Amino acid sequence: MEEAKKNDPIKKAIEMASEYNFSPDDIKKIQADALSEVNEAFDFAETQPWPNPEDALEEVYVNYPRELLI
């Protein structure tokens, strides 16, 4: 687990941004914008209806005609 923490892509991105002279305020702004975008997407997803169970396997790999699946 410790090895995985060393390879955390978010931590690495922040370190790299600092190396490219992004200020701490720039980094905080990017993080806030990303969080806002994720929250907006989550809020949108929560308002959408659940898919029909029969559509669960649609476009997963190949769309076979339903009569072949029965």
Protein backbone atom coordinates (compact mmCIF):
# COMPACT_ATOMS: atom_id res chain seq x y z
CA MET A 1 0.00 0.00 0.00
CA GLU A 2 2.85 2.38 0.77
CA GLU A 3 4.28 1.78 -2.70
CA ALA A 4 0.91 2.67 -4.25
CA LYS A 5 0.78 5.89 -2.23
CA LYS A 6 4.16 6.88 -3.69
CA ASN A 7 2.66 6.53 -7.19
CA ASP A 8 -0.50 8.54 -6.46
CA PRO A 9 -1.18 10.39 -9.75
CA ILE A 10 -2.76 13.39 -8.02
CA LYS A 11 0.21 13.84 -5.71
CA LYS A 12 2.57 13.46 -8.66
CA ALA A 13 0.61 16.01 -10.70
CA ILE A 14 0.79 18.54 -7.87
CA GLU A 15 4.53 17.99 -7.51
CA MET A 16 5.01 18.34 -11.27
CA ALA A 17 2.89 21.50 -11.39
CA SER A 18 5.14 23.01 -8.73
CA GLU A 19 8.19 22.09 -10.81
CA TYR A 20 6.62 23.97 -13.75
CA ASN A 21 6.22 27.09 -11.62
CA PHE A 22 2.51 26.83 -10.88
CA SER A 23 1.87 28.80 -7.73
CA PRO A 24 0.09 27.19 -4.77
CA ASP A 25 -2.90 29.39 -5.62
CA ASP A 26 -2.90 28.11 -9.21
CA ILE A 27 -2.89 24.54 -7.95
CA LYS A 28 -5.71 25.23 -5.49
CA LYS A 29 -7.75 26.84 -8.31
CA ILE A 30 -7.23 23.80 -10.54
CA GLN A 31 -8.26 21.48 -7.71
CA ALA A 32 -11.36 23.57 -6.96
CA ASP A 33 -12.36 23.65 -10.64
CA ALA A 34 -11.90 19.87 -10.94
CA LEU A 35 -13.93 19.24 -7.78
CA SER A 36 -16.68 21.52 -9.05
CA GLU A 37 -16.81 19.68 -12.38
CA VAL A 38 -16.99 16.30 -10.64
CA ASN A 39 -19.75 17.52 -8.31
CA GLU A 40 -21.76 18.88 -11.26
CA ALA A 41 -21.45 15.56 -13.07
CA PHE A 42 -22.44 13.67 -9.92
CA ASP A 43 -25.47 15.91 -9.36
CA PHE A 44 -26.53 15.39 -12.98
CA ALA A 45 -26.10 11.63 -12.72
CA GLU A 46 -28.22 11.48 -9.57
CA THR A 47 -31.16 13.12 -11.39
CA GLN A 48 -31.14 10.62 -14.25
CA PRO A 49 -33.44 7.59 -14.28
CA TRP A 50 -31.99 4.15 -13.74
CA PRO A 51 -31.54 2.14 -16.94
CA ASN A 52 -33.83 -0.75 -17.70
CA PRO A 53 -32.38 -4.07 -16.51
CA GLU A 54 -32.66 -5.50 -20.03
CA ASP A 55 -30.33 -2.75 -21.24
CA ALA A 56 -27.56 -3.61 -18.76
CA LEU A 57 -25.47 -5.42 -21.34
CA GLU A 58 -26.10 -3.03 -24.23
CA GLU A 59 -22.92 -1.82 -25.92
CA VAL A 60 -20.66 -3.63 -23.46
CA TYR A 61 -18.84 -5.67 -26.09
CA VAL A 62 -21.09 -6.50 -29.02
CA ASN A 63 -24.76 -5.77 -29.52
CA TYR A 64 -26.30 -9.09 -30.46
CA PRO A 65 -29.94 -9.11 -31.49
CA ARG A 66 -32.12 -9.92 -28.47
CA GLU A 67 -33.50 -13.04 -30.13
CA LEU A 68 -30.00 -14.55 -30.11
CA LEU A 69 -29.63 -13.91 -26.38
CA ILE A 70 -32.78 -15.80 -25.38
